[in-house]
Amino acid sequence: MDKETNEKNKKTEKSLRVNAAKCIVVVLIVIVIFYLIIAFSKKDEELKPAPNTSIDYNLLNVERSNGNIVMEDSTNAEVKDGVKRNTSSKLVEEKTYNDMIIKDARIEASGGMSQFAATVENPYDKNIEGQIVDVVFMNEDGSELARVETFFPDLEPNSTSEISASTDMDITTAYDFYIEAK
């Protein structure tokens, strides 16, 4: 009888373990389903401000404005993939400054900042010393749009380098630019 009782106890014990495991699995499934229901129902709810809180909804419209960069202003610019790029044909024309050739100029804006970059070439057989200059951006009527400081690097004979400048002003609408000594 001891053997039979032992076997019955083992079977009962095993049955209890299996049932407990099944219960735990069922409880976990119910918790996951409950969590998913809550997550999806809150997703559809409209976000509401706290009482006595005002919201400037214009700040939320990234497509219209990105800091001081007005994304809707398409004068000499286009917006693609959240980046505003200058499209003025006058901007990309080669220019000269102190025996250097400035070419491949480009202006882009994203993240609330405008970035200007260009290639600088020394076509001569002499060294050109680096210097701080202003890049003056102009509107189509010739008026000054903005002035941004940058550094021209030292250039060895027959070499090229890049110049760049950043500003929080919207220079993407510039029609043209020139370089001026500081």
C-alpha atoms as a PDB file:
ATOM      1  CA  MET A   1       0.000   0.000   0.000  1.00  0.00           C
ATOM      2  CA  ASP A   2       2.885   2.291   0.606  1.00  0.00           C
ATOM      3  CA  LYS A   3       3.977   1.868  -2.963  1.00  0.00           C
ATOM      4  CA  GLU A   4       0.508   2.581  -4.280  1.00  0.00           C
ATOM      5  CA  THR A   5       0.146   5.616  -2.056  1.00  0.00           C
ATOM      6  CA  ASN A   6       3.538   6.890  -3.126  1.00  0.00           C
ATOM      7  CA  GLU A   7       2.644   6.503  -6.789  1.00  0.00           C
ATOM      8  CA  LYS A   8      -0.721   8.227  -6.273  1.00  0.00           C
ATOM      9  CA  ASN A   9       1.004  11.067  -4.411  1.00  0.00           C
ATOM     10  CA  LYS A  10       3.590  11.411  -7.187  1.00  0.00           C
ATOM     11  CA  LYS A  11       0.864  11.467  -9.849  1.00  0.00           C
ATOM     12  CA  THR A  12      -1.124  14.007  -7.844  1.00  0.00           C
ATOM     13  CA  GLU A  13       1.966  16.116  -7.281  1.00  0.00           C
ATOM     14  CA  LYS A  14       2.855  15.969 -10.977  1.00  0.00           C
ATOM     15  CA  SER A  15      -0.714  16.848 -11.913  1.00  0.00           C
ATOM     16  CA  LEU A  16      -0.636  19.832  -9.538  1.00  0.00           C
ATOM     17  CA  ARG A  17       2.640  21.100 -11.064  1.00  0.00           C
ATOM     18  CA  VAL A  18       1.241  20.830 -14.584  1.00  0.00           C
ATOM     19  CA  ASN A  19      -1.944  22.630 -13.541  1.00  0.00           C
ATOM     20  CA  ALA A  20       0.061  25.357 -11.772  1.00  0.00           C
ATOM     21  CA  ALA A  21       2.231  25.865 -14.857  1.00  0.00           C
ATOM     22  CA  LYS A  22      -0.891  26.087 -17.040  1.00  0.00           C
ATOM     23  CA  CYS A  23      -2.395  28.651 -14.649  1.00  0.00           C
ATOM     24  CA  ILE A  24       0.768  30.766 -14.727  1.00  0.00           C
ATOM     25  CA  VAL A  25       0.818  30.705 -18.537  1.00  0.00           C
ATOM     26  CA  VAL A  26      -2.867  31.667 -18.715  1.00  0.00           C
ATOM     27  CA  VAL A  27      -2.332  34.537 -16.236  1.00  0.00           C
ATOM     28  CA  LEU A  28       0.654  35.832 -18.244  1.00  0.00           C
ATOM     29  CA  ILE A  29      -1.359  35.709 -21.472  1.00  0.00           C
ATOM     30  CA  VAL A  30      -4.218  37.610 -19.842  1.00  0.00           C
ATOM     31  CA  ILE A  31      -1.784  40.261 -18.541  1.00  0.00           C
ATOM     32  CA  VAL A  32      -0.205  40.702 -21.986  1.00  0.00           C
ATOM     33  CA  ILE A  33      -3.623  40.988 -23.659  1.00  0.00           C
ATOM     34  CA  PHE A  34      -4.746  43.507 -21.027  1.00  0.00           C
ATOM     35  CA  TYR A  35      -1.565  45.552 -21.547  1.00  0.00           C
ATOM     36  CA  LEU A  36      -2.031  45.559 -25.344  1.00  0.00           C
ATOM     37  CA  ILE A  37      -5.644  46.670 -25.038  1.00  0.00           C
ATOM     38  CA  ILE A  38      -4.623  49.573 -22.800  1.00  0.00           C
ATOM     39  CA  ALA A  39      -1.703  50.552 -25.056  1.00  0.00           C
ATOM     40  CA  PHE A  40      -3.812  50.618 -28.225  1.00  0.00           C
ATOM     41  CA  SER A  41      -6.737  52.421 -26.621  1.00  0.00           C
ATOM     42  CA  LYS A  42      -4.458  55.199 -25.278  1.00  0.00           C
ATOM     43  CA  LYS A  43      -2.828  55.587 -28.692  1.00  0.00           C
ATOM     44  CA  ASP A  44      -6.136  56.757 -30.156  1.00  0.00           C
ATOM     45  CA  GLU A  45      -6.839  59.243 -27.369  1.00  0.00           C
ATOM     46  CA  GLU A  46      -6.153  62.881 -28.186  1.00  0.00           C
ATOM     47  CA  LEU A  47      -3.364  64.449 -26.161  1.00  0.00           C
ATOM     48  CA  LYS A  48      -4.824  67.165 -23.984  1.00  0.00           C
ATOM     49  CA  PRO A  49      -2.889  69.916 -22.200  1.00  0.00           C
ATOM     50  CA  ALA A  50      -2.908  70.103 -18.453  1.00  0.00           C
ATOM     51  CA  PRO A  51      -5.487  72.504 -16.981  1.00  0.00           C
ATOM     52  CA  ASN A  52      -4.519  76.197 -17.202  1.00  0.00           C
ATOM     53  CA  THR A  53      -1.775  75.430 -19.759  1.00  0.00           C
ATOM     54  CA  SER A  54      -1.509  77.214 -23.066  1.00  0.00           C
ATOM     55  CA  ILE A  55       0.145  75.649 -26.090  1.00  0.00           C
ATOM     56  CA  ASP A  56       1.546  77.532 -29.060  1.00  0.00           C
ATOM     57  CA  TYR A  57       0.543  75.121 -31.799  1.00  0.00           C
ATOM     58  CA  ASN A  58       2.694  77.008 -34.336  1.00  0.00           C
ATOM     59  CA  LEU A  59       5.781  75.680 -32.534  1.00  0.00           C
ATOM     60  CA  LEU A  60       4.610  72.147 -33.241  1.00  0.00           C
ATOM     61  CA  ASN A  61       4.414  72.668 -36.999  1.00  0.00           C
ATOM     62  CA  VAL A  62       7.918  71.658 -38.070  1.00  0.00           C
ATOM     63  CA  GLU A  63       6.981  71.794 -41.750  1.00  0.00           C
ATOM     64  CA  ARG A  64       6.302  75.547 -41.551  1.00  0.00           C
ATOM     65  CA  SER A  65       9.167  76.662 -39.378  1.00  0.00           C
ATOM     66  CA  ASN A  66      12.344  75.173 -37.989  1.00  0.00           C
ATOM     67  CA  GLY A  67      13.760  77.752 -35.577  1.00  0.00           C
ATOM     68  CA  ASN A  68      14.401  80.881 -37.648  1.00  0.00           C
ATOM     69  CA  ILE A  69      14.243  78.825 -40.852  1.00  0.00           C
ATOM     70  CA  VAL A  70      10.915  79.381 -42.621  1.00  0.00           C
ATOM     71  CA  MET A  71      10.376  76.155 -44.513  1.00  0.00           C
ATOM     72  CA  GLU A  72       7.465  77.566 -46.566  1.00  0.00           C
ATOM     73  CA  ASP A  73       9.537  80.409 -48.076  1.00  0.00           C
ATOM     74  CA  SER A  74      10.483  79.061 -51.489  1.00  0.00           C
ATOM     75  CA  THR A  75      12.358  82.117 -52.778  1.00  0.00           C
ATOM     76  CA  ASN A  76      15.506  80.623 -54.360  1.00  0.00           C
ATOM     77  CA  ALA A  77      14.970  77.448 -52.309  1.00  0.00           C
ATOM     78  CA  GLU A  78      13.218  74.110 -52.195  1.00  0.00           C
ATOM     79  CA  VAL A  79      12.332  71.813 -49.320  1.00  0.00           C
ATOM     80  CA  LYS A  80      12.890  68.093 -49.704  1.00  0.00           C
ATOM     81  CA  ASP A  81      12.985  65.441 -46.973  1.00  0.00           C
ATOM     82  CA  GLY A  82      12.902  68.117 -44.254  1.00  0.00           C
ATOM     83  CA  VAL A  83      15.978  69.920 -45.635  1.00  0.00           C
ATOM     84  CA  LYS A  84      15.716  73.338 -47.256  1.00  0.00           C
ATOM     85  CA  ARG A  85      18.254  73.857 -50.090  1.00  0.00           C
ATOM     86  CA  ASN A  86      19.192  76.982 -52.018  1.00  0.00           C
ATOM     87  CA  THR A  87      18.456  76.736 -55.755  1.00  0.00           C
ATOM     88  CA  SER A  88      19.800  80.096 -57.008  1.00  0.00           C
ATOM     89  CA  SER A  89      21.904  79.704 -60.155  1.00  0.00           C
ATOM     90  CA  LYS A  90      23.776  82.901 -59.227  1.00  0.00           C
ATOM     91  CA  LEU A  91      24.968  81.356 -55.962  1.00  0.00           C
ATOM     92  CA  VAL A  92      26.817  78.507 -57.687  1.00  0.00           C
ATOM     93  CA  GLU A  93      28.680  80.725 -60.171  1.00  0.00           C
ATOM     94  CA  GLU A  94      32.463  80.847 -59.659  1.00  0.00           C
ATOM     95  CA  LYS A  95      33.697  83.876 -57.748  1.00  0.00           C
ATOM     96  CA  THR A  96      37.140  85.206 -56.871  1.00  0.00           C
ATOM     97  CA  TYR A  97      38.591  86.673 -53.720  1.00  0.00           C
ATOM     98  CA  ASN A  98      42.289  87.584 -53.211  1.00  0.00           C
ATOM     99  CA  ASP A  99      43.524  85.317 -56.000  1.00  0.00           C
ATOM    100  CA  MET A 100      41.335  82.420 -54.811  1.00  0.00           C
ATOM    101  CA  ILE A 101      38.508  80.863 -56.792  1.00  0.00           C
ATOM    102  CA  ILE A 102      35.323  80.074 -54.853  1.00  0.00           C
ATOM    103  CA  LYS A 103      33.122  77.456 -56.511  1.00  0.00           C
ATOM    104  CA  ASP A 104      30.497  74.777 -55.803  1.00  0.00           C
ATOM    105  CA  ALA A 105      28.777  76.964 -53.210  1.00  0.00           C
ATOM    106  CA  ARG A 106      25.764  75.456 -51.489  1.00  0.00           C
ATOM    107  CA  ILE A 107      23.396  76.396 -48.695  1.00  0.00           C
ATOM    108  CA  GLU A 108      21.192  73.983 -46.768  1.00  0.00           C
ATOM    109  CA  ALA A 109      19.097  74.351 -43.662  1.00  0.00           C
ATOM    110  CA  SER A 110      17.826  71.793 -41.193  1.00  0.00           C
ATOM    111  CA  GLY A 111      17.509  71.522 -37.451  1.00  0.00           C
ATOM    112  CA  GLY A 112      17.102  75.293 -37.106  1.00  0.00           C
ATOM    113  CA  MET A 113      20.517  76.061 -38.654  1.00  0.00           C
ATOM    114  CA  SER A 114      21.654  77.195 -42.115  1.00  0.00           C
ATOM    115  CA  GLN A 115      24.953  75.848 -43.391  1.00  0.00           C
ATOM    116  CA  PHE A 116      27.010  77.424 -46.165  1.00  0.00           C
ATOM    117  CA  ALA A 117      29.859  75.507 -47.802  1.00  0.00           C
ATOM    118  CA  ALA A 118      32.048  76.083 -50.857  1.00  0.00           C
ATOM    119  CA  THR A 119      35.269  74.882 -52.428  1.00  0.00           C
ATOM    120  CA  VAL A 120      38.203  77.313 -52.408  1.00  0.00           C
ATOM    121  CA  GLU A 121      40.946  76.861 -54.987  1.00  0.00           C
ATOM    122  CA  ASN A 122      44.428  78.354 -55.230  1.00  0.00           C
ATOM    123  CA  PRO A 123      45.283  78.076 -58.947  1.00  0.00           C
ATOM    124  CA  TYR A 124      48.637  79.831 -58.592  1.00  0.00           C
ATOM    125  CA  ASP A 125      52.194  78.776 -57.768  1.00  0.00           C
ATOM    126  CA  LYS A 126      52.256  80.714 -54.509  1.00  0.00           C
ATOM    127  CA  ASN A 127      51.045  80.105 -50.955  1.00  0.00           C
ATOM    128  CA  ILE A 128      47.938  81.957 -49.816  1.00  0.00           C
ATOM    129  CA  GLU A 129      47.692  82.708 -46.118  1.00  0.00           C
ATOM    130  CA  GLY A 130      44.471  81.919 -44.255  1.00  0.00           C
ATOM    131  CA  GLN A 131      42.275  84.710 -42.946  1.00  0.00           C
ATOM    132  CA  ILE A 132      38.966  85.487 -41.285  1.00  0.00           C
ATOM    133  CA  VAL A 133      36.382  86.927 -43.682  1.00  0.00           C
ATOM    134  CA  ASP A 134      32.692  87.730 -43.898  1.00  0.00           C
ATOM    135  CA  VAL A 135      30.460  85.920 -46.374  1.00  0.00           C
ATOM    136  CA  VAL A 136      27.814  88.480 -47.329  1.00  0.00           C
ATOM    137  CA  PHE A 137      24.574  86.980 -48.634  1.00  0.00           C
ATOM    138  CA  MET A 138      22.356  89.144 -50.829  1.00  0.00           C
ATOM    139  CA  ASN A 139      18.731  89.258 -51.916  1.00  0.00           C
ATOM    140  CA  GLU A 140      17.786  89.509 -55.593  1.00  0.00           C
ATOM    141  CA  ASP A 141      17.491  93.298 -55.301  1.00  0.00           C
ATOM    142  CA  GLY A 142      21.121  93.518 -54.131  1.00  0.00           C
ATOM    143  CA  SER A 143      20.292  94.267 -50.514  1.00  0.00           C
ATOM    144  CA  GLU A 144      22.154  92.464 -47.762  1.00  0.00           C
ATOM    145  CA  LEU A 145      20.317  89.425 -46.381  1.00  0.00           C
ATOM    146  CA  ALA A 146      22.917  88.313 -43.846  1.00  0.00           C
ATOM    147  CA  ARG A 147      26.608  88.430 -42.996  1.00  0.00           C
ATOM    148  CA  VAL A 148      28.362  85.338 -41.619  1.00  0.00           C
ATOM    149  CA  GLU A 149      31.966  85.070 -40.468  1.00  0.00           C
ATOM    150  CA  THR A 150      34.163  82.212 -41.649  1.00  0.00           C
ATOM    151  CA  PHE A 151      37.825  81.281 -42.019  1.00  0.00           C
ATOM    152  CA  PHE A 152      39.675  80.830 -45.299  1.00  0.00           C
ATOM    153  CA  PRO A 153      42.380  78.196 -44.706  1.00  0.00           C
ATOM    154  CA  ASP A 154      46.026  78.444 -45.735  1.00  0.00           C
ATOM    155  CA  LEU A 155      46.303  77.204 -49.299  1.00  0.00           C
ATOM    156  CA  GLU A 156      49.421  75.738 -50.849  1.00  0.00           C
ATOM    157  CA  PRO A 157      50.070  76.294 -54.568  1.00  0.00           C
ATOM    158  CA  ASN A 158      47.557  74.567 -56.852  1.00  0.00           C
ATOM    159  CA  SER A 159      45.474  73.182 -53.992  1.00  0.00           C
ATOM    160  CA  THR A 160      41.837  73.256 -52.881  1.00  0.00           C
ATOM    161  CA  SER A 161      40.055  73.295 -49.553  1.00  0.00           C
ATOM    162  CA  GLU A 162      36.566  73.780 -48.159  1.00  0.00           C
ATOM    163  CA  ILE A 163      35.097  76.735 -46.343  1.00  0.00           C
ATOM    164  CA  SER A 164      31.959  76.571 -44.274  1.00  0.00           C
ATOM    165  CA  ALA A 165      29.812  78.723 -42.037  1.00  0.00           C
ATOM    166  CA  SER A 166      26.690  78.127 -39.968  1.00  0.00           C
ATOM    167  CA  THR A 167      24.056  80.470 -38.650  1.00  0.00           C
ATOM    168  CA  ASP A 168      20.596  80.319 -37.122  1.00  0.00           C
ATOM    169  CA  MET A 169      19.441  82.897 -39.700  1.00  0.00           C
ATOM    170  CA  ASP A 170      17.640  81.698 -42.817  1.00  0.00           C
ATOM    171  CA  ILE A 171      20.229  82.245 -45.570  1.00  0.00           C
ATOM    172  CA  THR A 172      18.731  79.580 -47.840  1.00  0.00           C
ATOM    173  CA  THR A 173      16.821  82.249 -49.754  1.00  0.00           C
ATOM    174  CA  ALA A 174      20.007  84.119 -50.760  1.00  0.00           C
ATOM    175  CA  TYR A 175      20.296  85.037 -54.422  1.00  0.00           C
ATOM    176  CA  ASP A 176      24.062  85.566 -54.404  1.00  0.00           C
ATOM    177  CA  PHE A 177      27.025  86.154 -52.094  1.00  0.00           C
ATOM    178  CA  TYR A 178      30.426  87.792 -52.001  1.00  0.00           C
ATOM    179  CA  ILE A 179      33.435  87.637 -49.691  1.00  0.00           C
ATOM    180  CA  GLU A 180      34.575  90.684 -47.736  1.00  0.00           C
ATOM    181  CA  ALA A 181      37.737  91.112 -45.630  1.00  0.00           C
ATOM    182  CA  LYS A 182      37.306  91.619 -41.892  1.00  0.00           C
END
